[in-house]
Amino acid sequence: MKIAAFIPARYAASRFPAKLMQELGDKTVIRHTYENTVATGLFDDVYVVTDSDIIFNEISAHGGKAIMSIKTHESGSDRIAEAAANMDIDIIVNVQGDEPFVQREPLEKLLASFTGIDGASVKVASLMQVLKDSTLIEDPNYVKVAVDRNMNSLFFSRSVIPYPRNTELATTYYEHIGVYAFRKESLMQFTNWPVTPLEAAEKIECLRYLEYGIPLRMVVTTYMGVEIDTPADLIKAAKLLK
């Protein structure tokens, strides 16, 4: 089984322009992400897929593999699908470019979803972590996911799910982390489907899979480092790096 990691990397970002090219210690954010993904040793190949000459040159100049997108893409999934279309790959992992502290264990657990008898039916898998802070649970910027007994996704929402109508019950809340693994054919299908109503309403891309009847196998992780979305995140990441 051939496994490749793709890191979609846009230069523009509404909240923090050029965040992937910000210096974090002695490297840029995107170099940390790329090199730490390679260092996991889990992948036959790792690629940065970008619309930016600056990011392309940053990776290439330091011995990495970068691919320039041909078309303009709204999502990382579309960007990856274009790059991987003619490659001989079985499993594709989407690693976010703004996750400079990529580690082996979460990705290894994610890939394990596709193995064994149970894994044969898995088409898409993704990561989640337990949310305990009530402020974050209620924050629409934190996407929540509800799962069934087999850890398959039932729904993703920016709202509080499940809603705690019965306050006497202990309820576990999960935050969806946007790291995905796909069987290649499932990703190619996804990019050929039009945007679905729930996806458009919530602005959550993976709802398209659910609306076409494909659940995501969810994997719990306890460590994802710091995602760089704002200048404050960069400061937090610098402290963690030290």
C-alpha atoms as a PDB file:
ATOM      1  CA  MET A   1       0.000   0.000   0.000  1.00  0.00           C
ATOM      2  CA  LYS A   2       1.555   3.282  -1.118  1.00  0.00           C
ATOM      3  CA  ILE A   3       0.976   6.223   1.220  1.00  0.00           C
ATOM      4  CA  ALA A   4       1.743   9.879   0.509  1.00  0.00           C
ATOM      5  CA  ALA A   5       1.272  13.051   2.529  1.00  0.00           C
ATOM      6  CA  PHE A   6       0.207  16.274   0.822  1.00  0.00           C
ATOM      7  CA  ILE A   7       0.458  19.671   2.494  1.00  0.00           C
ATOM      8  CA  PRO A   8      -1.820  22.238   0.812  1.00  0.00           C
ATOM      9  CA  ALA A   9      -0.245  25.670   1.226  1.00  0.00           C
ATOM     10  CA  ARG A  10      -1.862  28.955   0.224  1.00  0.00           C
ATOM     11  CA  TYR A  11       0.184  32.120   0.566  1.00  0.00           C
ATOM     12  CA  ALA A  12      -2.817  34.352   1.227  1.00  0.00           C
ATOM     13  CA  ALA A  13      -4.688  34.008   4.518  1.00  0.00           C
ATOM     14  CA  SER A  14      -7.483  36.314   5.665  1.00  0.00           C
ATOM     15  CA  ARG A  15      -6.602  36.398   9.380  1.00  0.00           C
ATOM     16  CA  PHE A  16      -2.814  36.204   9.063  1.00  0.00           C
ATOM     17  CA  PRO A  17      -1.412  36.947   5.568  1.00  0.00           C
ATOM     18  CA  ALA A  18       1.704  34.986   4.595  1.00  0.00           C
ATOM     19  CA  LYS A  19       1.534  33.016   7.849  1.00  0.00           C
ATOM     20  CA  LEU A  20       3.248  29.958   6.339  1.00  0.00           C
ATOM     21  CA  MET A  21       6.332  32.030   5.536  1.00  0.00           C
ATOM     22  CA  GLN A  22       6.663  33.485   9.036  1.00  0.00           C
ATOM     23  CA  GLU A  23       9.877  32.657  10.868  1.00  0.00           C
ATOM     24  CA  LEU A  24       9.509  30.180  13.713  1.00  0.00           C
ATOM     25  CA  GLY A  25      12.903  29.713  15.298  1.00  0.00           C
ATOM     26  CA  ASP A  26      15.376  29.197  12.460  1.00  0.00           C
ATOM     27  CA  LYS A  27      12.844  28.007   9.855  1.00  0.00           C
ATOM     28  CA  THR A  28       9.582  29.131   8.308  1.00  0.00           C
ATOM     29  CA  VAL A  29       6.298  27.615   9.473  1.00  0.00           C
ATOM     30  CA  ILE A  30       5.853  25.662   6.225  1.00  0.00           C
ATOM     31  CA  ARG A  31       9.367  24.198   6.452  1.00  0.00           C
ATOM     32  CA  HIS A  32       8.705  22.993   9.983  1.00  0.00           C
ATOM     33  CA  THR A  33       5.490  21.356   8.801  1.00  0.00           C
ATOM     34  CA  TYR A  34       7.111  19.722   5.793  1.00  0.00           C
ATOM     35  CA  GLU A  35      10.236  18.486   7.558  1.00  0.00           C
ATOM     36  CA  ASN A  36       8.344  17.186  10.585  1.00  0.00           C
ATOM     37  CA  THR A  37       5.949  15.313   8.303  1.00  0.00           C
ATOM     38  CA  VAL A  38       8.894  13.699   6.505  1.00  0.00           C
ATOM     39  CA  ALA A  39      10.511  12.903   9.870  1.00  0.00           C
ATOM     40  CA  THR A  40       7.536  10.738  10.919  1.00  0.00           C
ATOM     41  CA  GLY A  41       8.825   8.080   8.501  1.00  0.00           C
ATOM     42  CA  LEU A  42       5.255   7.074   7.674  1.00  0.00           C
ATOM     43  CA  PHE A  43       5.127   8.167   4.044  1.00  0.00           C
ATOM     44  CA  ASP A  44       6.563   7.031   0.735  1.00  0.00           C
ATOM     45  CA  ASP A  45       6.459  10.668  -0.399  1.00  0.00           C
ATOM     46  CA  VAL A  46       5.640  14.069   1.079  1.00  0.00           C
ATOM     47  CA  TYR A  47       4.660  17.033  -1.101  1.00  0.00           C
ATOM     48  CA  VAL A  48       3.791  20.665  -0.516  1.00  0.00           C
ATOM     49  CA  VAL A  49       1.095  21.719  -2.994  1.00  0.00           C
ATOM     50  CA  THR A  50       0.875  25.467  -3.426  1.00  0.00           C
ATOM     51  CA  ASP A  51      -0.325  28.412  -5.499  1.00  0.00           C
ATOM     52  CA  SER A  52       2.693  30.481  -4.478  1.00  0.00           C
ATOM     53  CA  ASP A  53       6.118  30.768  -6.101  1.00  0.00           C
ATOM     54  CA  ILE A  54       7.436  31.954  -2.735  1.00  0.00           C
ATOM     55  CA  ILE A  55       6.332  28.797  -0.912  1.00  0.00           C
ATOM     56  CA  PHE A  56       7.349  26.577  -3.835  1.00  0.00           C
ATOM     57  CA  ASN A  57      10.860  28.051  -3.806  1.00  0.00           C
ATOM     58  CA  GLU A  58      11.100  27.847  -0.009  1.00  0.00           C
ATOM     59  CA  ILE A  59      10.510  24.086  -0.056  1.00  0.00           C
ATOM     60  CA  SER A  60      12.494  23.323  -3.227  1.00  0.00           C
ATOM     61  CA  ALA A  61      15.505  25.371  -2.136  1.00  0.00           C
ATOM     62  CA  HIS A  62      15.832  23.237   0.984  1.00  0.00           C
ATOM     63  CA  GLY A  63      15.614  19.879  -0.794  1.00  0.00           C
ATOM     64  CA  GLY A  64      11.889  19.302  -0.411  1.00  0.00           C
ATOM     65  CA  LYS A  65       9.242  18.274  -2.932  1.00  0.00           C
ATOM     66  CA  ALA A  66       6.811  20.990  -4.021  1.00  0.00           C
ATOM     67  CA  ILE A  67       4.083  21.038  -6.676  1.00  0.00           C
ATOM     68  CA  MET A  68       2.563  24.187  -8.194  1.00  0.00           C
ATOM     69  CA  SER A  69      -1.205  24.099  -8.595  1.00  0.00           C
ATOM     70  CA  ILE A  70      -2.431  24.533 -12.146  1.00  0.00           C
ATOM     71  CA  LYS A  71      -5.932  25.788 -11.296  1.00  0.00           C
ATOM     72  CA  THR A  72      -7.341  28.067  -8.608  1.00  0.00           C
ATOM     73  CA  HIS A  73      -8.803  26.022  -5.749  1.00  0.00           C
ATOM     74  CA  GLU A  74     -11.261  26.832  -2.994  1.00  0.00           C
ATOM     75  CA  SER A  75     -10.180  23.979  -0.732  1.00  0.00           C
ATOM     76  CA  GLY A  76      -7.107  21.988   0.212  1.00  0.00           C
ATOM     77  CA  SER A  77      -8.855  18.798  -0.884  1.00  0.00           C
ATOM     78  CA  ASP A  78      -9.273  20.141  -4.422  1.00  0.00           C
ATOM     79  CA  ARG A  79      -5.651  21.295  -4.500  1.00  0.00           C
ATOM     80  CA  ILE A  80      -4.431  17.846  -3.418  1.00  0.00           C
ATOM     81  CA  ALA A  81      -6.724  15.991  -5.816  1.00  0.00           C
ATOM     82  CA  GLU A  82      -5.316  17.911  -8.782  1.00  0.00           C
ATOM     83  CA  ALA A  83      -1.741  17.105  -7.752  1.00  0.00           C
ATOM     84  CA  ALA A  84      -2.404  13.424  -7.002  1.00  0.00           C
ATOM     85  CA  ALA A  85      -4.685  12.626  -9.945  1.00  0.00           C
ATOM     86  CA  ASN A  86      -2.047  10.855 -12.048  1.00  0.00           C
ATOM     87  CA  MET A  87       0.036   9.430  -9.191  1.00  0.00           C
ATOM     88  CA  ASP A  88       0.127   5.779  -8.170  1.00  0.00           C
ATOM     89  CA  ILE A  89      -1.043   6.188  -4.559  1.00  0.00           C
ATOM     90  CA  ASP A  90      -3.421   4.190  -2.362  1.00  0.00           C
ATOM     91  CA  ILE A  91      -3.791   6.407   0.721  1.00  0.00           C
ATOM     92  CA  ILE A  92      -3.498  10.206   0.757  1.00  0.00           C
ATOM     93  CA  VAL A  93      -3.001  12.145   3.987  1.00  0.00           C
ATOM     94  CA  ASN A  94      -3.837  15.850   4.084  1.00  0.00           C
ATOM     95  CA  VAL A  95      -1.554  17.616   6.588  1.00  0.00           C
ATOM     96  CA  GLN A  96      -2.398  21.269   7.178  1.00  0.00           C
ATOM     97  CA  GLY A  97       0.447  23.647   6.324  1.00  0.00           C
ATOM     98  CA  ASP A  98      -0.047  25.663   9.497  1.00  0.00           C
ATOM     99  CA  GLU A  99       0.628  22.674  11.811  1.00  0.00           C
ATOM    100  CA  PRO A 100       4.396  23.017  12.394  1.00  0.00           C
ATOM    101  CA  PHE A 101       4.496  20.543  15.291  1.00  0.00           C
ATOM    102  CA  VAL A 102       3.415  17.472  13.324  1.00  0.00           C
ATOM    103  CA  GLN A 103       4.191  14.266  15.210  1.00  0.00           C
ATOM    104  CA  ARG A 104       4.215  10.603  14.266  1.00  0.00           C
ATOM    105  CA  GLU A 105       1.721   9.175  16.762  1.00  0.00           C
ATOM    106  CA  PRO A 106      -1.510  10.935  15.633  1.00  0.00           C
ATOM    107  CA  LEU A 107      -0.777  10.240  11.963  1.00  0.00           C
ATOM    108  CA  GLU A 108       0.146   6.619  12.693  1.00  0.00           C
ATOM    109  CA  LYS A 109      -3.175   6.127  14.505  1.00  0.00           C
ATOM    110  CA  LEU A 110      -4.979   7.765  11.589  1.00  0.00           C
ATOM    111  CA  LEU A 111      -3.376   5.411   9.051  1.00  0.00           C
ATOM    112  CA  ALA A 112      -4.185   2.399  11.230  1.00  0.00           C
ATOM    113  CA  SER A 113      -7.865   3.083  10.475  1.00  0.00           C
ATOM    114  CA  PHE A 114      -7.370   1.582   7.024  1.00  0.00           C
ATOM    115  CA  THR A 115      -5.801  -1.695   8.173  1.00  0.00           C
ATOM    116  CA  GLY A 116      -7.287  -5.037   9.183  1.00  0.00           C
ATOM    117  CA  ILE A 117     -10.752  -6.429   8.464  1.00  0.00           C
ATOM    118  CA  ASP A 118     -12.508  -3.423   9.990  1.00  0.00           C
ATOM    119  CA  GLY A 119     -10.349  -0.963   8.054  1.00  0.00           C
ATOM    120  CA  ALA A 120     -11.224  -2.449   4.681  1.00  0.00           C
ATOM    121  CA  SER A 121     -14.508  -0.518   4.632  1.00  0.00           C
ATOM    122  CA  VAL A 122     -13.016   2.827   5.719  1.00  0.00           C
ATOM    123  CA  LYS A 123     -12.887   5.379   2.919  1.00  0.00           C
ATOM    124  CA  VAL A 124     -12.032   8.535   4.851  1.00  0.00           C
ATOM    125  CA  ALA A 125     -10.588   9.061   8.330  1.00  0.00           C
ATOM    126  CA  SER A 126      -9.876  12.161  10.379  1.00  0.00           C
ATOM    127  CA  LEU A 127      -8.644  13.283  13.790  1.00  0.00           C
ATOM    128  CA  MET A 128     -10.481  14.729  16.772  1.00  0.00           C
ATOM    129  CA  GLN A 129      -9.660  15.660  20.337  1.00  0.00           C
ATOM    130  CA  VAL A 130     -11.715  15.997  23.520  1.00  0.00           C
ATOM    131  CA  LEU A 131     -12.949  19.509  24.320  1.00  0.00           C
ATOM    132  CA  LYS A 132     -13.485  20.334  27.997  1.00  0.00           C
ATOM    133  CA  ASP A 133     -13.482  24.139  28.074  1.00  0.00           C
ATOM    134  CA  SER A 134     -17.123  25.304  27.870  1.00  0.00           C
ATOM    135  CA  THR A 135     -16.059  28.523  26.146  1.00  0.00           C
ATOM    136  CA  LEU A 136     -14.435  26.542  23.331  1.00  0.00           C
ATOM    137  CA  ILE A 137     -17.368  24.130  23.123  1.00  0.00           C
ATOM    138  CA  GLU A 138     -19.663  27.090  22.462  1.00  0.00           C
ATOM    139  CA  ASP A 139     -17.220  28.829  20.087  1.00  0.00           C
ATOM    140  CA  PRO A 140     -18.348  28.448  16.427  1.00  0.00           C
ATOM    141  CA  ASN A 141     -14.704  28.582  15.307  1.00  0.00           C
ATOM    142  CA  TYR A 142     -14.277  25.165  16.937  1.00  0.00           C
ATOM    143  CA  VAL A 143     -15.958  22.519  14.794  1.00  0.00           C
ATOM    144  CA  LYS A 144     -17.549  19.787  16.882  1.00  0.00           C
ATOM    145  CA  VAL A 145     -18.236  16.210  15.807  1.00  0.00           C
ATOM    146  CA  ALA A 146     -20.637  13.591  17.143  1.00  0.00           C
ATOM    147  CA  VAL A 147     -19.759   9.924  16.603  1.00  0.00           C
ATOM    148  CA  ASP A 148     -21.441   6.529  16.844  1.00  0.00           C
ATOM    149  CA  ARG A 149     -20.279   3.511  18.860  1.00  0.00           C
ATOM    150  CA  ASN A 150     -17.841   2.546  16.087  1.00  0.00           C
ATOM    151  CA  MET A 151     -16.285   6.023  16.032  1.00  0.00           C
ATOM    152  CA  ASN A 152     -17.867   6.898  12.706  1.00  0.00           C
ATOM    153  CA  SER A 153     -18.968  10.514  12.315  1.00  0.00           C
ATOM    154  CA  LEU A 154     -22.673  11.253  12.652  1.00  0.00           C
ATOM    155  CA  PHE A 155     -22.498  15.008  12.182  1.00  0.00           C
ATOM    156  CA  PHE A 156     -20.130  17.979  12.218  1.00  0.00           C
ATOM    157  CA  SER A 157     -21.271  21.392  13.405  1.00  0.00           C
ATOM    158  CA  ARG A 158     -20.146  24.775  14.644  1.00  0.00           C
ATOM    159  CA  SER A 159     -23.022  24.560  17.115  1.00  0.00           C
ATOM    160  CA  VAL A 160     -22.861  22.625  20.381  1.00  0.00           C
ATOM    161  CA  ILE A 161     -23.386  18.935  19.580  1.00  0.00           C
ATOM    162  CA  PRO A 162     -24.718  17.049  21.362  1.00  0.00           C
ATOM    163  CA  TYR A 163     -26.846  19.691  23.048  1.00  0.00           C
ATOM    164  CA  PRO A 164     -26.847  19.043  26.839  1.00  0.00           C
ATOM    165  CA  ARG A 165     -30.610  19.069  27.421  1.00  0.00           C
ATOM    166  CA  ASN A 166     -30.080  16.614  30.272  1.00  0.00           C
ATOM    167  CA  THR A 167     -27.484  18.378  32.398  1.00  0.00           C
ATOM    168  CA  GLU A 168     -27.216  15.440  34.787  1.00  0.00           C
ATOM    169  CA  LEU A 169     -25.464  13.291  32.190  1.00  0.00           C
ATOM    170  CA  ALA A 170     -21.723  13.510  31.584  1.00  0.00           C
ATOM    171  CA  THR A 171     -21.285  14.475  27.946  1.00  0.00           C
ATOM    172  CA  THR A 172     -18.088  14.138  25.927  1.00  0.00           C
ATOM    173  CA  TYR A 173     -17.444  16.810  23.319  1.00  0.00           C
ATOM    174  CA  TYR A 174     -15.011  16.333  20.454  1.00  0.00           C
ATOM    175  CA  GLU A 175     -13.301  18.993  18.370  1.00  0.00           C
ATOM    176  CA  HIS A 176     -12.692  18.023  14.769  1.00  0.00           C
ATOM    177  CA  ILE A 177      -9.073  18.515  13.719  1.00  0.00           C
ATOM    178  CA  GLY A 178      -8.668  19.110   9.994  1.00  0.00           C
ATOM    179  CA  VAL A 179      -6.159  16.353   9.289  1.00  0.00           C
ATOM    180  CA  TYR A 180      -7.589  13.765   6.884  1.00  0.00           C
ATOM    181  CA  ALA A 181      -6.626  10.471   5.302  1.00  0.00           C
ATOM    182  CA  PHE A 182      -8.423   9.289   2.168  1.00  0.00           C
ATOM    183  CA  ARG A 183      -8.419   6.343  -0.138  1.00  0.00           C
ATOM    184  CA  LYS A 184      -7.449   8.032  -3.390  1.00  0.00           C
ATOM    185  CA  GLU A 185     -10.670   7.109  -5.201  1.00  0.00           C
ATOM    186  CA  SER A 186     -12.750   8.643  -2.387  1.00  0.00           C
ATOM    187  CA  LEU A 187     -10.912  11.954  -2.629  1.00  0.00           C
ATOM    188  CA  MET A 188     -11.361  12.012  -6.398  1.00  0.00           C
ATOM    189  CA  GLN A 189     -15.099  11.352  -5.965  1.00  0.00           C
ATOM    190  CA  PHE A 190     -15.372  14.124  -3.406  1.00  0.00           C
ATOM    191  CA  THR A 191     -13.881  16.760  -5.685  1.00  0.00           C
ATOM    192  CA  ASN A 192     -16.323  15.854  -8.460  1.00  0.00           C
ATOM    193  CA  TRP A 193     -19.396  16.296  -6.248  1.00  0.00           C
ATOM    194  CA  PRO A 194     -21.039  19.734  -6.025  1.00  0.00           C
ATOM    195  CA  VAL A 195     -21.126  21.573  -2.708  1.00  0.00           C
ATOM    196  CA  THR A 196     -23.991  20.216  -0.584  1.00  0.00           C
ATOM    197  CA  PRO A 197     -26.610  22.182   1.424  1.00  0.00           C
ATOM    198  CA  LEU A 198     -25.321  21.337   4.920  1.00  0.00           C
ATOM    199  CA  GLU A 199     -21.732  21.978   3.833  1.00  0.00           C
ATOM    200  CA  ALA A 200     -22.730  25.391   2.482  1.00  0.00           C
ATOM    201  CA  ALA A 201     -24.718  26.283   5.607  1.00  0.00           C
ATOM    202  CA  GLU A 202     -22.060  25.307   8.147  1.00  0.00           C
ATOM    203  CA  LYS A 203     -18.995  26.062   5.996  1.00  0.00           C
ATOM    204  CA  ILE A 204     -17.618  22.633   6.920  1.00  0.00           C
ATOM    205  CA  GLU A 205     -16.182  20.808   3.925  1.00  0.00           C
ATOM    206  CA  CYS A 206     -16.383  17.240   5.273  1.00  0.00           C
ATOM    207  CA  LEU A 207     -20.179  17.438   5.596  1.00  0.00           C
ATOM    208  CA  ARG A 208     -20.200  16.761   1.849  1.00  0.00           C
ATOM    209  CA  TYR A 209     -19.040  13.204   2.576  1.00  0.00           C
ATOM    210  CA  LEU A 210     -21.896  12.651   5.033  1.00  0.00           C
ATOM    211  CA  GLU A 211     -24.461  14.070   2.635  1.00  0.00           C
ATOM    212  CA  TYR A 212     -23.311  11.533   0.046  1.00  0.00           C
ATOM    213  CA  GLY A 213     -23.548   8.698   2.576  1.00  0.00           C
ATOM    214  CA  ILE A 214     -19.840   8.310   3.431  1.00  0.00           C
ATOM    215  CA  PRO A 215     -19.019   8.483   7.166  1.00  0.00           C
ATOM    216  CA  LEU A 216     -15.576   9.475   8.387  1.00  0.00           C
ATOM    217  CA  ARG A 217     -13.779   7.143  10.784  1.00  0.00           C
ATOM    218  CA  MET A 218     -12.777   9.433  13.644  1.00  0.00           C
ATOM    219  CA  VAL A 219      -9.568   8.888  15.613  1.00  0.00           C
ATOM    220  CA  VAL A 220      -8.943  10.477  19.016  1.00  0.00           C
ATOM    221  CA  THR A 221      -5.637  12.229  19.545  1.00  0.00           C
ATOM    222  CA  THR A 222      -4.321  14.075  22.569  1.00  0.00           C
ATOM    223  CA  TYR A 223      -1.557  16.129  20.943  1.00  0.00           C
ATOM    224  CA  MET A 224      -1.626  18.409  17.919  1.00  0.00           C
ATOM    225  CA  GLY A 225       0.726  21.220  18.968  1.00  0.00           C
ATOM    226  CA  VAL A 226      -0.201  24.765  17.914  1.00  0.00           C
ATOM    227  CA  GLU A 227      -2.057  25.693  14.732  1.00  0.00           C
ATOM    228  CA  ILE A 228      -0.846  29.023  13.324  1.00  0.00           C
ATOM    229  CA  ASP A 229      -3.935  31.120  12.558  1.00  0.00           C
ATOM    230  CA  THR A 230      -2.992  34.456  14.123  1.00  0.00           C
ATOM    231  CA  PRO A 231       0.150  36.384  15.179  1.00  0.00           C
ATOM    232  CA  ALA A 232      -0.679  35.365  18.771  1.00  0.00           C
ATOM    233  CA  ASP A 233      -0.492  31.700  17.723  1.00  0.00           C
ATOM    234  CA  LEU A 234       2.981  32.317  16.299  1.00  0.00           C
ATOM    235  CA  ILE A 235       4.130  33.724  19.640  1.00  0.00           C
ATOM    236  CA  LYS A 236       2.652  30.698  21.419  1.00  0.00           C
ATOM    237  CA  ALA A 237       4.390  28.368  18.944  1.00  0.00           C
ATOM    238  CA  ALA A 238       7.742  30.094  19.500  1.00  0.00           C
ATOM    239  CA  LYS A 239       7.442  29.477  23.236  1.00  0.00           C
ATOM    240  CA  LEU A 240       6.582  25.828  22.622  1.00  0.00           C
ATOM    241  CA  LEU A 241       9.539  25.470  20.267  1.00  0.00           C
ATOM    242  CA  LYS A 242      11.899  26.665  23.013  1.00  0.00           C
END
